Every structure is written in structure tokens, then in C-alpha cells.
């Protein structure tokens, strides 16, 4: 595994990917913003390049002489669609353009999201041939990023990976749910049986490496399946099962509390108002409510498995045990 650049490496997936690439013999460079906390990356011994995916002038030196670019940078919370697109669409376009400017363009692996595809239909998992139908601003912006990368696919060998919900060590978004379940023992859901795909950060990192090495690349003439993969655990879960897996890892009995859609809508409305007052978006907002009340979020990794031999290193319950243990070791939970 030769020279690699990772954007968005200060997120919780970034350090896991660094370790996977280093284990494969890669030399790692990470693009980091001037204000980012890079202590974890420094401890891993990577090269740091200061820049931002929204600043095109900072990218040529970052992509210079690398063989692979893993584009993780993205925004998961924003007050409106335009703010999402500044990073998720324009940032992806900027990275693609910088790669295209190289005399020997690197392989670009774009980390998108299951949200870019939209909910799964009742009774089956999404596959790469399904037309994307995102229902949230976040999902629409991630799909826009995919389309931006596709514009450069004739010049840059590009693969898109769509993960579902990602969890694991360092996950602060998931920590909110873990702390709530530990404190109350109550898992609040809209539809208890709502199907859900999950993937552990280490398994996603392994999938990204496999996609870079062995995956097919985008075909500019094929807007559907070519060069796109879902990286999910092969065993689908549900919101209820996720709560019970976390509860078992915590050693806590979990009770499921079902709430109506109107109650979620009311909470999302207050979340939106509170976010505007504080100038910071609440985790519970209209965008997330749309996703949380959809028909399901299940994607099949069959294509990734068949083409790259992707296999998660451990089942989901064990992965949650590992995650909870990490939270405790780091003092994030008691």
C-alpha cells in the first residue's frame, strides 16, 4: 500500500483508517484544518498537511505524489442545504479537481453515505442498482458530492463507498445514545422494528482499503451501479436491536419506549428553534426526523463482498462490547 492522503482524518473514522492503512504498509498524509485537534494523528506518526477541502488552493500540495486519496471530509449537521453543500458537494468537487490536475491522478475513494441513496423499500435491502432518492438535506448534499466526483471520473479513477450508521471508538454522536441508555435504561424509538444497517468503524476502514485496492471505478457513462459500493455489516439490525446490543454491552436492561411521529415532529421543532437561538444545530432536527421516520435503512454489501472479499472482523454484538469498553477506558462513560 503506497502513499495515501486522508481528508477529514480528525473525525472518529480517520484514525481507524490511518491504522488500517499503516498495517498495510501505507505512508499516510492527512489534510487537517488549521484549528483542528491533531494530537491523535500526531501520535500515529502521520504527515500533516494544513488545508481545507473548501479551499481549492490548499489542495494541490496535499494530493501531490500520492497514490490513493480517501475523502472522508464531510458535514453531518448544518442549518440548511446550502451549508451542507459547501463541504459535502463543493469540497468533493475541489478534491476531485485537485486529483485531476496531477500528471498521474491518484485513485480517489469518496466516502458518501447511505443517506445519499435514501431509505430502503419495505421488505428488502437497497443495492447499487437502485436509483438514489435521498429524503434529507444531508442525504441530498452527499448525493450532490457523488455527482461532483462523477464529473471528474473520466480523468480520476474514482470509487464511491456508502456506509450506513457507523459506530466505534471515538464516536461522539453514538456516545449520546450510549449515555442516555446507561442513565435511563429506556430506548426511545418511533418504529421498534425499523430495519437498520450498521458498520463498525474498523470494518468500514477495512472496506475502504479493499475498495481502493480491488474495487471497480466509476464509469462516467453509467449513473447507477458502476464504481459504487455499500459497506455495511451483512447482518441487518433494527433500532430496537441496536438498543439491546448497547444495553448488553453496558450490562443494562433496556426498555423500548415507542413514540408517535407527532411527538418526534414537536421535539424536532423545538430542536430547530433551540439550535437557531444557540447558533448551533441540535442533533434532533427536521432533517434527522425525516430520516428517523423513514421506511428503513438497510443496504446490501453483497457486491462489496463478492468483488473484494469484504468480511467484518467481528459480529455486531462483539463490536458494541469493544466500543463500550473503549468508552470506559477513555473515561467517556462510567
Protein backbone atom coordinates (compact mmCIF):
# COMPACT_ATOMS: atom_id res chain seq x y z
CA UNK A 1 0.00 0.00 0.00
CA UNK A 2 1.89 3.13 -1.16
CA UNK A 3 1.31 6.82 -0.34
CA UNK A 4 -2.15 7.84 0.86
CA UNK A 5 -3.93 11.11 1.64
CA UNK A 6 -6.89 11.19 4.03
CA UNK A 7 -9.22 14.18 4.22
CA UNK A 8 -11.42 14.54 7.29
CA UNK A 9 -8.92 12.48 9.27
CA UNK A 10 -9.65 14.19 12.59
CA UNK A 11 -13.13 12.64 12.66
CA UNK A 12 -13.60 9.38 14.52
CA UNK A 13 -13.22 7.22 11.39
CA UNK A 14 -9.97 8.89 10.33
CA UNK A 15 -7.63 7.45 12.99
CA UNK A 16 -9.10 3.97 12.46
CA UNK A 17 -8.40 4.25 8.72
CA UNK A 18 -4.87 5.50 9.42
CA UNK A 19 -4.15 2.38 11.47
CA UNK A 20 -5.58 0.05 8.82
CA UNK A 21 -3.53 1.70 6.07
CA UNK A 22 -0.36 1.69 8.19
CA UNK A 23 -0.84 -2.01 8.88
CA UNK A 24 -0.98 -2.50 5.10
CA UNK A 25 2.33 -0.66 4.69
CA UNK A 26 0.95 2.71 3.64
CA UNK A 27 2.64 6.08 4.09
CA UNK A 28 -0.06 8.42 5.36
CA UNK A 29 -0.62 12.13 4.87
CA UNK A 30 -3.64 13.78 6.48
CA UNK A 31 -5.28 17.02 5.39
CA UNK A 32 -6.22 18.95 8.53
CA UNK A 33 -7.69 22.38 9.12
CA UNK A 34 -5.53 24.93 10.97
CA UNK A 35 -7.81 24.85 14.03
CA UNK A 36 -8.20 21.05 14.22
CA UNK A 37 -7.02 18.95 17.16
CA UNK A 38 -4.34 16.78 15.55
CA UNK A 39 -2.95 15.19 18.72
CA UNK A 40 -4.31 11.72 17.90
CA UNK A 41 -2.91 11.89 14.37
CA UNK A 42 0.49 13.07 15.60
CA UNK A 43 0.57 10.11 17.98
CA UNK A 44 0.08 7.83 14.97
CA UNK A 45 3.11 9.34 13.22
CA UNK A 46 1.41 10.59 10.06
CA UNK A 47 2.46 13.52 7.87
CA UNK A 48 0.18 16.53 8.34
CA UNK A 49 -0.85 18.88 5.53
CA UNK A 50 -2.68 22.03 6.57
CA UNK A 51 -5.65 22.88 4.38
CA UNK A 52 -9.38 22.63 3.87
CA UNK A 53 -11.48 20.92 1.20
CA UNK A 54 -13.40 24.18 0.80
CA UNK A 55 -10.14 25.98 -0.09
CA UNK A 56 -9.03 24.76 -3.54
CA UNK A 57 -5.64 26.48 -3.27
CA UNK A 58 -4.70 24.35 -0.26
CA UNK A 59 -5.25 21.04 -2.05
CA UNK A 60 -2.59 20.68 -4.80
CA UNK A 61 0.27 20.26 -2.31
CA UNK A 62 -1.81 17.81 -0.27
CA UNK A 63 -2.56 15.47 -3.18
CA UNK A 64 0.89 15.76 -4.75
CA UNK A 65 2.64 12.43 -5.32
CA UNK A 66 0.06 10.27 -3.55
CA UNK A 67 -1.33 7.05 -4.97
CA UNK A 68 -4.65 6.96 -3.10
CA UNK A 69 -6.93 9.68 -1.72
CA UNK A 70 -9.55 8.73 0.87
CA UNK A 71 -12.06 11.57 1.02
CA UNK A 72 -13.70 11.37 4.44
CA UNK A 73 -14.28 15.09 5.00
CA UNK A 74 -17.96 15.93 5.29
CA UNK A 75 -20.53 17.77 7.33
CA UNK A 76 -23.24 15.76 9.11
CA UNK A 77 -25.06 18.67 10.79
CA UNK A 78 -25.87 22.03 9.18
CA UNK A 79 -28.70 24.56 9.49
CA UNK A 80 -29.68 24.32 5.82
CA UNK A 81 -28.91 22.66 2.50
CA UNK A 82 -26.57 25.41 1.31
CA UNK A 83 -24.35 24.97 4.36
CA UNK A 84 -24.24 21.20 3.78
CA UNK A 85 -23.19 21.63 0.16
CA UNK A 86 -20.24 23.90 0.96
CA UNK A 87 -18.42 20.86 2.29
CA UNK A 88 -20.28 17.80 1.01
CA UNK A 89 -20.62 18.90 -2.62
CA UNK A 90 -18.12 21.69 -3.27
CA UNK A 91 -15.48 20.07 -1.08
CA UNK A 92 -15.77 16.82 -3.03
CA UNK A 93 -15.56 18.70 -6.32
CA UNK A 94 -12.44 20.52 -5.13
CA UNK A 95 -10.71 17.30 -4.10
CA UNK A 96 -11.62 15.65 -7.41
CA UNK A 97 -10.30 18.62 -9.38
CA UNK A 98 -7.04 18.61 -7.42
CA UNK A 99 -6.59 14.91 -8.18
CA UNK A 100 -7.31 15.51 -11.87
CA UNK A 101 -4.59 18.18 -12.01
CA UNK A 102 -1.93 15.61 -11.13
CA UNK A 103 0.08 14.20 -14.04
CA UNK A 104 -0.73 10.73 -12.69
CA UNK A 105 -4.07 11.14 -10.86
CA UNK A 106 -4.43 9.05 -7.70
CA UNK A 107 -7.27 6.62 -7.05
CA UNK A 108 -9.98 8.58 -5.24
CA UNK A 109 -12.22 6.80 -2.74
CA UNK A 110 -15.17 9.03 -1.83
CA UNK A 111 -16.88 8.18 1.45
CA UNK A 112 -20.52 9.07 0.88
CA UNK A 113 -23.47 7.81 2.92
CA UNK A 114 -26.47 5.52 2.77
CA UNK A 115 -28.43 8.76 3.23
CA UNK A 116 -27.40 9.70 -0.33
CA UNK A 117 -29.38 6.72 -1.60
CA UNK A 118 -32.40 7.30 0.60
CA UNK A 119 -34.47 4.80 2.59
CA UNK A 120 -34.70 1.14 1.71
CA UNK A 121 -38.05 -0.09 0.35
CA UNK A 122 -40.23 -2.25 2.56
CA UNK A 123 -39.15 -5.87 2.61
CA UNK A 124 -35.69 -5.66 1.02
CA UNK A 125 -32.28 -4.06 1.22
CA UNK A 126 -31.02 -1.43 -1.18
CA UNK A 127 -28.46 -2.43 -3.76
CA UNK A 128 -26.24 -0.37 -6.03
CA UNK A 129 -28.66 -0.56 -8.98
CA UNK A 130 -31.43 1.24 -7.08
CA UNK A 131 -31.84 4.87 -8.14
CA UNK A 132 -30.91 7.27 -5.30
CA UNK A 133 -33.85 9.03 -3.65
CA UNK A 134 -32.50 10.95 -0.63
CA UNK A 135 -35.06 12.48 1.73
CA UNK A 136 -32.92 14.80 3.88
CA UNK A 137 -30.74 17.82 3.20
CA UNK A 138 -27.77 15.82 4.40
CA UNK A 139 -28.55 12.96 2.03
CA UNK A 140 -29.16 15.28 -0.90
CA UNK A 141 -25.85 17.04 -0.28
CA UNK A 142 -23.96 13.74 -0.13
CA UNK A 143 -25.53 12.66 -3.41
CA UNK A 144 -24.52 16.03 -4.88
CA UNK A 145 -20.98 15.23 -3.76
CA UNK A 146 -21.13 11.89 -5.56
CA UNK A 147 -22.30 13.62 -8.73
CA UNK A 148 -19.48 16.17 -8.40
CA UNK A 149 -16.94 13.34 -8.20
CA UNK A 150 -18.56 11.64 -11.18
CA UNK A 151 -17.91 14.78 -13.26
CA UNK A 152 -14.19 14.04 -12.94
CA UNK A 153 -14.40 10.26 -13.28
CA UNK A 154 -13.06 10.24 -16.85
CA UNK A 155 -9.82 11.72 -15.51
CA UNK A 156 -9.67 10.42 -11.94
CA UNK A 157 -10.16 6.71 -11.12
CA UNK A 158 -12.92 7.04 -8.54
CA UNK A 159 -14.84 4.70 -6.26
CA UNK A 160 -17.78 5.70 -4.05
CA UNK A 161 -18.47 3.91 -0.77
CA UNK A 162 -21.80 4.42 1.02
CA UNK A 163 -21.68 3.40 4.69
CA UNK A 164 -24.81 3.24 6.88
CA UNK A 165 -24.70 4.19 10.58
CA UNK A 166 -21.05 3.95 11.67
CA UNK A 167 -20.11 3.32 15.30
CA UNK A 168 -16.99 2.51 17.24
CA UNK A 169 -14.23 4.00 19.40
CA UNK A 170 -14.17 7.79 19.21
CA UNK A 171 -17.80 8.08 18.06
CA UNK A 172 -19.21 11.10 19.89
CA UNK A 173 -22.56 11.02 18.06
CA UNK A 174 -23.19 7.46 19.24
CA UNK A 175 -21.98 8.39 22.72
CA UNK A 176 -25.13 10.49 23.22
CA UNK A 177 -27.32 7.38 22.86
CA UNK A 178 -24.99 5.24 24.97
CA UNK A 179 -25.06 7.73 27.85
CA UNK A 180 -28.84 8.01 27.64
CA UNK A 181 -29.31 4.24 27.74
CA UNK A 182 -26.86 3.88 30.60
CA UNK A 183 -28.64 6.55 32.62
CA UNK A 184 -32.30 5.74 31.92
CA UNK A 185 -32.43 2.21 30.53
CA UNK A 186 -35.05 3.48 28.06
CA UNK A 187 -34.58 3.36 24.29
CA UNK A 188 -36.95 5.78 22.56
CA UNK A 189 -37.94 4.70 19.04
CA UNK A 190 -40.63 5.59 16.51
CA UNK A 191 -40.92 2.16 14.88
CA UNK A 192 -39.31 -0.58 17.02
CA UNK A 193 -38.84 -2.97 14.11
CA UNK A 194 -37.48 -0.38 11.70
CA UNK A 195 -34.71 -2.19 9.77
CA UNK A 196 -31.26 -0.70 10.00
CA UNK A 197 -27.79 -1.42 8.64
CA UNK A 198 -24.75 -0.78 10.81
CA UNK A 199 -20.98 -0.95 10.40
CA UNK A 200 -18.13 -0.68 12.87
CA UNK A 201 -15.50 1.96 12.07
CA UNK A 202 -12.72 -0.63 11.85
CA UNK A 203 -14.73 -2.73 9.41
CA UNK A 204 -15.51 0.37 7.35
CA UNK A 205 -11.81 1.23 7.27
CA UNK A 206 -11.04 -2.28 6.04
CA UNK A 207 -13.75 -1.92 3.38
CA UNK A 208 -12.24 1.37 2.19
CA UNK A 209 -8.85 -0.26 1.78
CA UNK A 210 -10.39 -3.14 -0.17
CA UNK A 211 -12.34 -0.73 -2.38
CA UNK A 212 -9.16 1.22 -3.10
CA UNK A 213 -7.18 -1.88 -3.97
CA UNK A 214 -9.70 -4.07 -5.74
CA UNK A 215 -12.88 -2.08 -6.33
CA UNK A 216 -14.26 -1.06 -9.68
CA UNK A 217 -14.14 2.60 -10.68
CA UNK A 218 -16.92 4.94 -11.71
CA UNK A 219 -17.95 4.73 -15.32
CA UNK A 220 -18.94 8.27 -16.42
CA UNK A 221 -21.49 6.75 -18.80
CA UNK A 222 -23.18 4.59 -16.11
CA UNK A 223 -25.06 6.64 -13.49
CA UNK A 224 -26.11 3.63 -11.43
CA UNK A 225 -24.05 0.77 -10.04
CA UNK A 226 -20.57 1.00 -11.56
CA UNK A 227 -17.96 2.05 -9.02
CA UNK A 228 -20.40 2.33 -6.09
CA UNK A 229 -20.45 0.07 -3.01
CA UNK A 230 -22.45 -0.25 0.19
CA UNK A 231 -20.13 -1.00 3.13
CA UNK A 232 -22.39 -2.50 5.79
CA UNK A 233 -22.41 -5.46 8.12
CA UNK A 234 -24.07 -8.35 6.22
CA UNK A 235 -26.47 -8.94 9.13
CA UNK A 236 -29.12 -6.18 9.23
CA UNK A 237 -30.30 -4.92 12.58
CA UNK A 238 -33.07 -2.61 13.79
CA UNK A 239 -33.36 0.38 16.10
CA UNK A 240 -34.66 -1.97 18.81
CA UNK A 241 -31.85 -4.50 18.37
CA UNK A 242 -29.27 -1.72 18.38
CA UNK A 243 -30.58 -0.55 21.76
CA UNK A 244 -30.46 -4.07 23.17
CA UNK A 245 -26.90 -4.64 21.88
CA UNK A 246 -25.77 -1.44 23.58
CA UNK A 247 -27.65 -2.44 26.73
CA UNK A 248 -25.98 -5.86 26.83
CA UNK A 249 -22.58 -4.23 26.38
CA UNK A 250 -23.38 -1.85 29.25
CA UNK A 251 -24.79 -4.64 31.43
CA UNK A 252 -28.09 -2.76 31.49
CA UNK A 253 -31.62 -3.99 30.88
CA UNK A 254 -33.19 -1.86 28.15
CA UNK A 255 -36.88 -1.00 27.86
CA UNK A 256 -38.26 0.11 24.49
CA UNK A 257 -40.48 3.19 24.50
CA UNK A 258 -42.37 3.85 21.29
CA UNK A 259 -43.21 7.46 20.41
CA UNK A 260 -45.60 8.77 17.78
CA UNK A 261 -44.47 10.75 14.78
CA UNK A 262 -46.22 13.90 16.01
CA UNK A 263 -44.14 13.77 19.20
CA UNK A 264 -40.93 13.50 17.19
CA UNK A 265 -42.09 16.36 14.98
CA UNK A 266 -42.72 18.50 18.05
CA UNK A 267 -39.32 17.64 19.51
CA UNK A 268 -37.64 18.36 16.17
CA UNK A 269 -39.39 21.74 16.01
CA UNK A 270 -38.09 22.68 19.45
CA UNK A 271 -34.67 21.36 18.43
CA UNK A 272 -34.67 23.58 15.35
CA UNK A 273 -35.73 26.65 17.35
CA UNK A 274 -33.20 25.97 20.08
CA UNK A 275 -30.46 25.48 17.53
CA UNK A 276 -31.18 28.83 15.92
CA UNK A 277 -31.13 30.59 19.27
CA UNK A 278 -27.83 28.97 20.26
CA UNK A 279 -26.34 29.26 16.79
CA UNK A 280 -25.62 25.52 16.81
CA UNK A 281 -27.81 22.84 15.30
CA UNK A 282 -29.47 20.37 17.64
CA UNK A 283 -28.94 16.63 17.00
CA UNK A 284 -32.75 16.34 16.91
CA UNK A 285 -33.94 18.43 13.98
CA UNK A 286 -36.26 18.19 10.99
CA UNK A 287 -33.58 16.62 8.81
CA UNK A 288 -32.91 13.81 11.28
CA UNK A 289 -36.61 13.35 11.97
CA UNK A 290 -37.20 12.69 8.25
CA UNK A 291 -34.52 10.01 8.32
CA UNK A 292 -35.70 8.53 11.62
CA UNK A 293 -39.30 8.05 10.44
CA UNK A 294 -38.45 6.55 7.03
CA UNK A 295 -39.36 3.04 5.87
CA UNK A 296 -35.94 1.59 6.71
CA UNK A 297 -32.20 2.00 6.22
CA UNK A 298 -30.88 -1.35 5.05
CA UNK A 299 -28.27 -1.79 2.33
CA UNK A 300 -26.77 -5.00 0.98
CA UNK A 301 -22.97 -5.31 0.98
CA UNK A 302 -23.20 -8.31 -1.39
CA UNK A 303 -21.40 -6.52 -4.23
CA UNK A 304 -18.55 -5.41 -1.97
CA UNK A 305 -18.29 -8.92 -0.54
CA UNK A 306 -18.26 -10.64 -3.93
CA UNK A 307 -15.79 -8.25 -5.59
CA UNK A 308 -13.36 -7.57 -2.73
CA UNK A 309 -13.92 -10.42 -0.21
CA UNK A 310 -15.01 -7.96 2.47
CA UNK A 311 -15.85 -9.69 5.76
CA UNK A 312 -16.34 -7.85 9.08
CA UNK A 313 -13.77 -8.91 11.66
CA UNK A 314 -16.39 -9.48 14.38
CA UNK A 315 -20.21 -9.63 14.73
CA UNK A 316 -22.11 -6.53 15.78
CA UNK A 317 -22.73 -7.52 19.44
CA UNK A 318 -18.99 -8.06 19.92
CA UNK A 319 -18.26 -4.76 18.20
CA UNK A 320 -20.56 -2.97 20.63
CA UNK A 321 -18.79 -4.64 23.56
CA UNK A 322 -15.47 -3.35 22.19
CA UNK A 323 -16.90 0.13 21.73
CA UNK A 324 -18.34 0.34 25.25
CA UNK A 325 -15.05 -0.93 26.68
CA UNK A 326 -13.20 1.85 24.82
CA UNK A 327 -15.65 4.47 26.11
CA UNK A 328 -14.97 3.28 29.66
CA UNK A 329 -11.21 3.16 29.24
CA UNK A 330 -11.22 6.73 27.93
CA UNK A 331 -13.49 7.94 30.73
CA UNK A 332 -16.33 8.88 28.39
CA UNK A 333 -18.75 6.75 30.44
CA UNK A 334 -18.59 5.18 33.90
